[in-house]
Protein backbone atom coordinates (compact mmCIF):
# COMPACT_ATOMS: atom_id res chain seq x y z
CA ARG A 1 0.00 0.00 0.00
CA GLY A 2 2.85 2.42 0.49
CA LEU A 3 3.00 5.63 2.51
CA PRO A 4 -0.07 7.82 3.12
CA SER A 5 -0.44 10.84 0.86
CA MET A 6 0.35 14.35 2.06
CA HIS A 7 -3.40 15.12 1.96
CA THR A 8 -4.13 12.14 4.23
CA LEU A 9 -1.42 13.23 6.67
CA ARG A 10 -2.79 16.79 6.76
CA MET A 11 -6.33 15.53 7.38
CA ARG A 12 -5.15 13.27 10.20
CA ALA A 13 -3.30 16.19 11.82
CA LEU A 14 -6.35 18.42 11.46
CA ILE A 15 -8.66 15.81 12.99
CA ALA A 16 -6.23 15.09 15.83
CA GLY A 17 -6.01 18.80 16.68
CA LEU A 18 -9.76 19.50 16.41
CA PRO A 19 -10.61 18.90 20.11
CA MET A 20 -7.86 21.34 21.17
CA LEU A 21 -9.05 23.91 18.65
CA LEU A 22 -12.66 23.59 19.86
CA ALA A 23 -11.54 23.94 23.47
CA ALA A 24 -9.61 27.10 22.59
CA VAL A 25 -12.60 28.60 20.76
CA THR A 26 -14.93 27.73 23.64
CA ALA A 27 -12.57 29.16 26.24
CA SER A 28 -12.28 32.35 24.21
CA ALA A 29 -16.06 32.80 24.03
CA ALA A 30 -16.43 32.28 27.78
CA ASP A 31 -13.38 34.37 28.63
CA ALA A 32 -14.55 37.20 26.38
CA VAL A 33 -17.46 37.91 28.73
CA GLY A 34 -15.59 37.14 31.95
CA VAL A 35 -17.35 33.89 32.75
CA ALA A 36 -15.87 31.89 35.62
CA GLN A 37 -15.28 28.17 35.19
CA VAL A 38 -16.98 25.81 37.66
CA THR A 39 -16.04 22.14 37.84
CA PRO A 40 -18.73 19.48 38.28
CA ALA A 41 -17.53 18.95 41.88
CA GLN A 42 -17.70 22.69 42.60
CA LEU A 43 -21.22 22.88 41.15
CA THR A 44 -22.31 20.05 43.43
CA GLU A 45 -20.93 22.00 46.43
CA LEU A 46 -22.52 25.27 45.28
CA ARG A 47 -25.93 23.66 45.00
CA ALA A 48 -25.62 22.14 48.47
CA ALA A 49 -25.16 25.58 50.08
CA PRO A 50 -28.56 26.72 51.41
CA ASP A 51 -27.82 30.46 51.11
CA ALA A 52 -26.50 30.48 47.53
CA PRO A 53 -29.25 30.33 44.90
CA VAL A 54 -27.88 28.68 41.76
CA LEU A 55 -29.68 28.25 38.47
CA VAL A 56 -28.18 25.51 36.34
CA LEU A 57 -29.03 26.43 32.76
CA ASP A 58 -28.86 23.77 30.05
CA VAL A 59 -28.76 25.57 26.70
CA ARG A 60 -28.96 22.45 24.53
CA THR A 61 -31.97 21.47 22.45
CA PRO A 62 -35.06 20.02 24.15
CA GLU A 63 -34.21 16.65 22.56
CA GLU A 64 -30.71 16.67 24.05
CA PHE A 65 -32.12 17.74 27.42
CA ALA A 66 -34.67 14.90 27.35
CA ALA A 67 -31.89 12.40 26.66
CA GLY A 68 -30.27 13.33 29.99
CA HIS A 69 -29.31 16.45 31.94
CA VAL A 70 -27.79 17.70 35.17
CA PRO A 71 -30.39 17.10 37.92
CA GLY A 72 -32.45 20.23 38.56
CA ALA A 73 -31.25 22.00 35.41
CA VAL A 74 -33.59 24.30 33.49
CA ASN A 75 -33.64 23.95 29.70
CA ILE A 76 -33.62 27.10 27.62
CA PRO A 77 -31.95 26.52 24.23
CA TYR A 78 -29.16 29.01 23.54
CA ASP A 79 -31.02 30.57 20.62
CA GLN A 80 -34.02 31.33 22.89
CA VAL A 81 -32.13 32.88 25.82
CA ALA A 82 -32.58 36.47 24.59
CA THR A 83 -36.37 36.07 24.39
CA ARG A 84 -36.71 34.23 27.71
CA LEU A 85 -34.67 36.45 30.05
CA SER A 86 -37.63 36.75 32.43
CA GLU A 87 -37.13 33.06 33.30
CA ILE A 88 -33.52 33.66 34.40
CA PRO A 89 -33.16 35.56 37.70
CA LYS A 90 -30.38 38.15 37.71
CA THR A 91 -29.91 37.64 41.46
CA ASP A 92 -28.95 33.95 41.14
CA GLU A 93 -25.62 32.50 40.12
CA VAL A 94 -26.25 31.12 36.62
CA VAL A 95 -24.16 28.12 35.64
CA LEU A 96 -24.42 27.38 31.92
CA TYR A 97 -23.62 24.23 30.03
CA CYS A 98 -24.28 22.52 26.71
CA ARG A 99 -22.63 19.50 25.10
CA SER A 100 -19.20 20.90 24.36
CA GLY A 101 -19.17 24.58 25.36
CA ARG A 102 -19.85 26.56 22.17
CA ARG A 103 -23.56 27.18 22.79
CA ALA A 104 -22.92 27.92 26.49
CA GLY A 105 -20.42 30.60 25.41
CA LEU A 106 -22.98 32.15 23.05
CA ALA A 107 -25.64 32.12 25.77
CA ALA A 108 -23.17 33.69 28.23
CA GLU A 109 -22.52 36.51 25.75
CA THR A 110 -26.28 37.12 25.44
CA LEU A 111 -26.77 37.14 29.22
CA SER A 112 -23.76 39.38 29.82
CA ALA A 113 -25.04 41.88 27.24
CA ALA A 114 -28.39 41.86 29.09
CA GLY A 115 -26.69 42.84 32.36
CA TYR A 116 -26.20 39.45 34.03
CA THR A 117 -23.04 39.44 36.13
CA LYS A 118 -23.21 36.18 38.09
CA LEU A 119 -22.35 33.83 35.26
CA ALA A 120 -20.31 30.64 35.29
CA HIS A 121 -19.61 27.89 32.81
CA LEU A 122 -19.62 24.20 33.77
CA THR A 123 -16.15 22.92 32.91
CA GLY A 124 -16.45 20.04 30.49
CA ASP A 125 -20.16 20.72 29.98
CA MET A 126 -22.48 17.68 29.92
CA GLN A 127 -19.66 15.41 28.79
CA GLY A 128 -17.56 16.47 31.79
CA TRP A 129 -20.50 15.96 34.17
CA MET A 130 -21.01 12.41 32.92
CA ALA A 131 -17.25 11.68 32.90
CA ALA A 132 -17.19 12.67 36.60
CA GLY A 133 -19.75 9.91 37.24
CA LEU A 134 -22.34 12.33 38.60
CA PRO A 135 -26.08 11.58 38.38
CA VAL A 136 -28.00 12.39 35.21
CA ASP A 137 -31.75 12.98 35.13
CA VAL A 138 -33.66 11.37 32.31
CA PRO A 139 -37.36 12.27 32.33
CA PRO A 140 -39.77 9.35 31.96
CA PRO A 141 -41.20 8.93 28.49
CA ALA A 142 -44.42 10.78 27.83
CA ALA A 143 -47.56 8.73 28.34
CA PRO A 144 -49.07 7.54 25.09
CA ALA A 145 -52.14 9.37 23.90
CA PRO A 146 -55.38 7.68 24.91
CA HIS A 147 -56.64 5.30 22.28
CA ALA A 148 -59.64 6.71 20.48
CA GLU A 149 -62.27 4.34 19.16
CA PRO A 150 -62.59 4.51 15.38
CA VAL A 151 -65.61 6.37 14.16
CA GLU A 152 -67.54 4.69 11.42
CA ALA A 153 -68.18 6.73 8.34
CA PRO A 154 -71.84 7.31 7.52
CA PRO A 155 -73.16 5.12 4.72
CA PRO A 156 -73.04 6.69 1.26
CA ASN A 157 -76.29 8.26 0.00
């Protein structure tokens, strides 16, 4: 078979470096608005404190949220944050996460522009939460719709 082509080598290098590139882009988005990083263990401690209200905000799609989320998290997709600010208290610490960090960074920018100052990003996002072996809530499936009896069509005239 011979040696791999230069194109193949470049593609392999690009693919190998992609996770680092994504992490750098994500960090830049979060850092640009001054968002603190909170580890899964720190979030668990924050939520246990009785005097520190914390809103855990999952900015993934409803389908991703339904597949599993941080217990107690509220789901507002990142592209709806600007129109649903009334659901996000400015007085609470808001810890954002998504799957990999990009959407959480975008949501943090939106919240920061709207005057939110108590923002944090969950380090590792949902993947980091699961890698830490922490519990994941999966809502029960929706109950099936009640079975309706078929209605017979009237006889033709």
